[in-house]
Amino acid sequence: MGNNIQRWAFEQADSDLALLPERFLGKPFDLERYLGTWYEIGRFPLSWEASCTGATAVYAKGPQPNSILVENTCLLERGRSFSRKAIARVNPRFQDKNKLILVFNDELPSDGPADYWVLDTNYANYALVGNATKTHLWVLSRKPFLSQCVCLALAQRLEHDFGYDVSKIQWHTNLIAACIGHD
C-alpha cells in the first residue's frame, strides 16, 4: 500500500506542476522578470542562515547592465530581523544569463564571490537556485508557501534533473516536509 501512495503522490505532483506556467529552461533567462520579492521555502544549511526563519530575498535592477541588487532578510530569535546585501552580476564565463556571481557587501565571513545559478523558474510561482558544486540550494516562491505537491515535484526535479541530494533540504514548514517524507 505504501508504494501505491508514494506513486500517487508523484503522479499528483507531476500533474500539479504541469498546471504551473512554462518554465524557462531551454529559453533565454529573463533577468528583468526574475526581479522582485521571493520567499525561501527550503534551503541547504548555511552557517550564516542557521538561526533564520521567514527568509526573503528582494532583487532589484543593478547599477550596471546584467546586474541585480540583492537584499536577504530573515527573522532571528525574539523577532529581531537580520539582513545581508549583495550585488550579483551575470558570470561572463557563461553565455547563460541565469548563471550569476554574487558578492556580499558586509563584514560577515564569506567565501568571496559565489555562484548563484537560477536552475529553473517560471517567474510567477517558483525558482530553484543552486551553484556549480551543488553545495548551495534554495527553493523560492513568490508567495510565502507552496503546495505540498508542487514542493514534491520541485524536489523530484532537483534530484533527477540537476543531481541534488534533496534529503539535505531544510524545509520551512512541517506541511511541506511531510510531503517529501521528512519528519
Protein backbone atom coordinates (compact mmCIF):
# COMPACT_ATOMS: atom_id res chain seq x y z
CA MET A 1 0.00 0.00 0.00
CA GLY A 2 2.86 2.41 0.82
CA ASN A 3 4.22 2.15 -2.74
CA ASN A 4 0.79 2.94 -4.17
CA ILE A 5 0.52 6.06 -2.00
CA GLN A 6 4.03 7.16 -2.98
CA ARG A 7 3.32 6.52 -6.69
CA TRP A 8 0.05 8.51 -6.39
CA ALA A 9 1.92 11.39 -4.69
CA PHE A 10 4.48 11.55 -7.52
CA GLU A 11 1.75 11.33 -10.19
CA GLN A 12 -0.24 14.07 -8.41
CA ALA A 13 2.93 16.18 -8.10
CA ASP A 14 3.60 15.84 -11.83
CA SER A 15 0.03 16.85 -12.70
CA ASP A 16 0.09 19.82 -10.28
CA LEU A 17 3.41 21.01 -11.67
CA ALA A 18 2.04 20.74 -15.20
CA LEU A 19 -0.52 23.40 -14.20
CA LEU A 20 2.23 25.91 -13.48
CA PRO A 21 3.25 28.32 -16.24
CA GLU A 22 6.00 27.06 -18.51
CA ARG A 23 9.50 27.14 -17.04
CA PHE A 24 12.38 28.97 -18.68
CA LEU A 25 14.73 26.04 -19.33
CA GLY A 26 15.75 25.94 -22.97
CA LYS A 27 14.90 29.62 -23.36
CA PRO A 28 16.98 32.69 -22.54
CA PHE A 29 16.78 33.65 -18.87
CA ASP A 30 14.92 36.93 -18.33
CA LEU A 31 16.68 38.79 -15.52
CA GLU A 32 14.00 41.53 -15.50
CA ARG A 33 11.18 39.02 -14.87
CA TYR A 34 13.19 37.49 -12.02
CA LEU A 35 13.35 40.79 -10.10
CA GLY A 36 11.09 41.33 -7.10
CA THR A 37 10.44 39.51 -3.83
CA TRP A 38 10.98 35.78 -3.32
CA TYR A 39 10.20 33.77 -0.18
CA GLU A 40 12.51 30.99 0.94
CA ILE A 41 10.58 27.72 1.19
CA GLY A 42 13.60 25.47 1.67
CA ARG A 43 17.40 25.53 1.56
CA PHE A 44 20.57 23.61 2.15
CA PRO A 45 22.03 24.53 5.57
CA LEU A 46 24.31 27.60 5.65
CA SER A 47 26.15 28.81 8.72
CA TRP A 48 25.03 32.45 8.40
CA GLU A 49 21.39 31.36 7.95
CA ALA A 50 21.37 28.80 10.78
CA SER A 51 19.03 30.72 13.08
CA CYS A 52 16.99 32.41 10.31
CA THR A 53 13.30 31.89 9.73
CA GLY A 54 10.91 33.61 7.34
CA ALA A 55 13.68 34.50 4.89
CA THR A 56 13.00 36.67 1.88
CA ALA A 57 15.18 37.80 -0.99
CA VAL A 58 14.44 41.04 -2.79
CA TYR A 59 16.06 41.55 -6.18
CA ALA A 60 16.21 44.97 -7.84
CA LYS A 61 17.80 46.24 -11.01
CA GLY A 62 21.53 46.78 -10.51
CA PRO A 63 23.70 49.78 -11.41
CA GLN A 64 25.27 48.06 -14.44
CA PRO A 65 23.67 46.07 -17.24
CA ASN A 66 23.14 42.40 -16.32
CA SER A 67 23.44 43.08 -12.59
CA ILE A 68 20.99 42.93 -9.69
CA LEU A 69 20.96 44.27 -6.16
CA VAL A 70 20.14 41.62 -3.57
CA GLU A 71 18.79 42.01 -0.04
CA ASN A 72 18.28 38.85 2.00
CA THR A 73 16.27 39.33 5.20
CA CYS A 74 15.13 36.89 7.86
CA LEU A 75 13.85 36.80 11.43
CA LEU A 76 16.10 35.76 14.29
CA GLU A 77 15.15 34.72 17.79
CA ARG A 78 12.96 37.18 19.68
CA GLY A 79 11.68 38.69 16.45
CA ARG A 80 14.81 40.62 15.50
CA SER A 81 15.49 40.91 11.78
CA PHE A 82 18.77 40.26 10.04
CA SER A 83 19.72 41.43 6.53
CA ARG A 84 22.57 40.93 4.11
CA LYS A 85 23.06 42.97 0.96
CA ALA A 86 24.88 41.84 -2.15
CA ILE A 87 25.27 42.52 -5.82
CA ALA A 88 25.03 39.81 -8.42
CA ARG A 89 26.32 40.02 -11.97
CA VAL A 90 25.91 37.70 -14.90
CA ASN A 91 29.00 35.49 -14.99
CA PRO A 92 30.91 36.43 -18.18
CA ARG A 93 32.36 32.89 -18.43
CA PHE A 94 28.93 31.60 -19.47
CA GLN A 95 26.53 32.61 -22.21
CA ASP A 96 23.57 31.82 -19.96
CA LYS A 97 22.28 34.85 -18.05
CA ASN A 98 20.92 32.57 -15.32
CA LYS A 99 24.48 31.95 -14.05
CA LEU A 100 25.41 34.85 -11.80
CA ILE A 101 28.26 35.71 -9.45
CA LEU A 102 27.12 37.08 -6.07
CA VAL A 103 29.27 39.20 -3.74
CA PHE A 104 28.02 40.27 -0.29
CA ASN A 105 28.59 43.90 0.79
CA ASP A 106 29.08 43.31 4.51
CA GLU A 107 31.72 42.37 7.04
CA LEU A 108 30.37 38.89 7.77
CA PRO A 109 32.53 35.90 6.91
CA SER A 110 32.22 34.99 3.27
CA ASP A 111 33.89 32.66 0.83
CA GLY A 112 34.20 35.56 -1.60
CA PRO A 113 32.31 35.65 -4.88
CA ALA A 114 29.79 32.83 -5.05
CA ASP A 115 27.96 31.11 -7.87
CA TYR A 116 24.25 31.91 -7.94
CA TRP A 117 22.62 29.83 -10.62
CA VAL A 118 18.91 30.04 -11.30
CA LEU A 119 18.42 26.39 -12.21
CA ASP A 120 14.74 26.66 -13.01
CA THR A 121 11.93 29.18 -12.63
CA ASN A 122 8.58 30.03 -14.10
CA TYR A 123 8.99 33.61 -12.75
CA ALA A 124 5.42 33.71 -11.37
CA ASN A 125 5.50 30.94 -8.75
CA TYR A 126 8.84 29.28 -8.01
CA ALA A 127 12.59 29.41 -8.53
CA LEU A 128 15.24 26.76 -7.88
CA VAL A 129 18.64 28.29 -7.16
CA GLY A 130 21.92 26.47 -6.69
CA ASN A 131 25.58 26.58 -7.57
CA ALA A 132 28.11 24.73 -9.73
CA THR A 133 29.26 22.38 -6.94
CA LYS A 134 25.73 21.58 -5.67
CA THR A 135 26.66 22.71 -2.14
CA HIS A 136 24.09 25.54 -2.04
CA LEU A 137 20.41 25.31 -2.81
CA TRP A 138 17.31 27.41 -2.30
CA VAL A 139 13.69 26.69 -3.18
CA LEU A 140 11.97 30.05 -3.60
CA SER A 141 8.37 31.10 -4.12
CA ARG A 142 6.64 34.35 -4.97
CA LYS A 143 4.29 33.62 -2.05
CA PRO A 144 5.30 32.55 1.49
CA PHE A 145 4.11 28.99 0.75
CA LEU A 146 3.88 26.35 -1.97
CA SER A 147 1.50 23.42 -2.12
CA GLN A 148 2.76 20.04 -0.95
CA CYS A 149 2.55 18.53 -4.39
CA VAL A 150 4.41 21.38 -6.07
CA CYS A 151 7.17 21.06 -3.45
CA LEU A 152 7.34 17.34 -4.10
CA ALA A 153 7.56 17.89 -7.85
CA LEU A 154 10.28 20.53 -7.41
CA ALA A 155 12.26 18.23 -5.11
CA GLN A 156 11.91 15.46 -7.66
CA ARG A 157 13.15 17.80 -10.42
CA LEU A 158 16.12 18.91 -8.28
CA GLU A 159 17.11 15.31 -7.69
CA HIS A 160 16.52 13.88 -11.16
CA ASP A 161 17.26 16.82 -13.48
CA PHE A 162 20.01 18.57 -11.51
CA GLY A 163 21.54 15.84 -9.30
CA TYR A 164 20.89 17.45 -5.89
CA ASP A 165 20.60 15.39 -2.71
CA VAL A 166 17.15 16.57 -1.67
CA SER A 167 17.44 14.86 1.72
CA LYS A 168 19.65 17.82 2.75
CA ILE A 169 16.93 20.41 2.15
CA GLN A 170 15.69 22.16 5.28
CA TRP A 171 12.02 22.87 4.54
CA HIS A 172 10.37 25.71 6.43
CA THR A 173 7.03 24.14 7.19
CA ASN A 174 6.04 20.72 8.52
CA LEU A 175 3.39 20.52 5.82
CA ILE A 176 5.97 20.65 3.04
CA ALA A 177 8.41 18.43 4.88
CA ALA A 178 5.72 15.76 5.32
CA CYS A 179 5.05 15.89 1.60
CA ILE A 180 8.54 14.70 0.73
CA GLY A 181 8.96 12.24 3.56
CA HIS A 182 10.92 14.25 6.13
CA ASP A 183 9.98 14.39 9.81
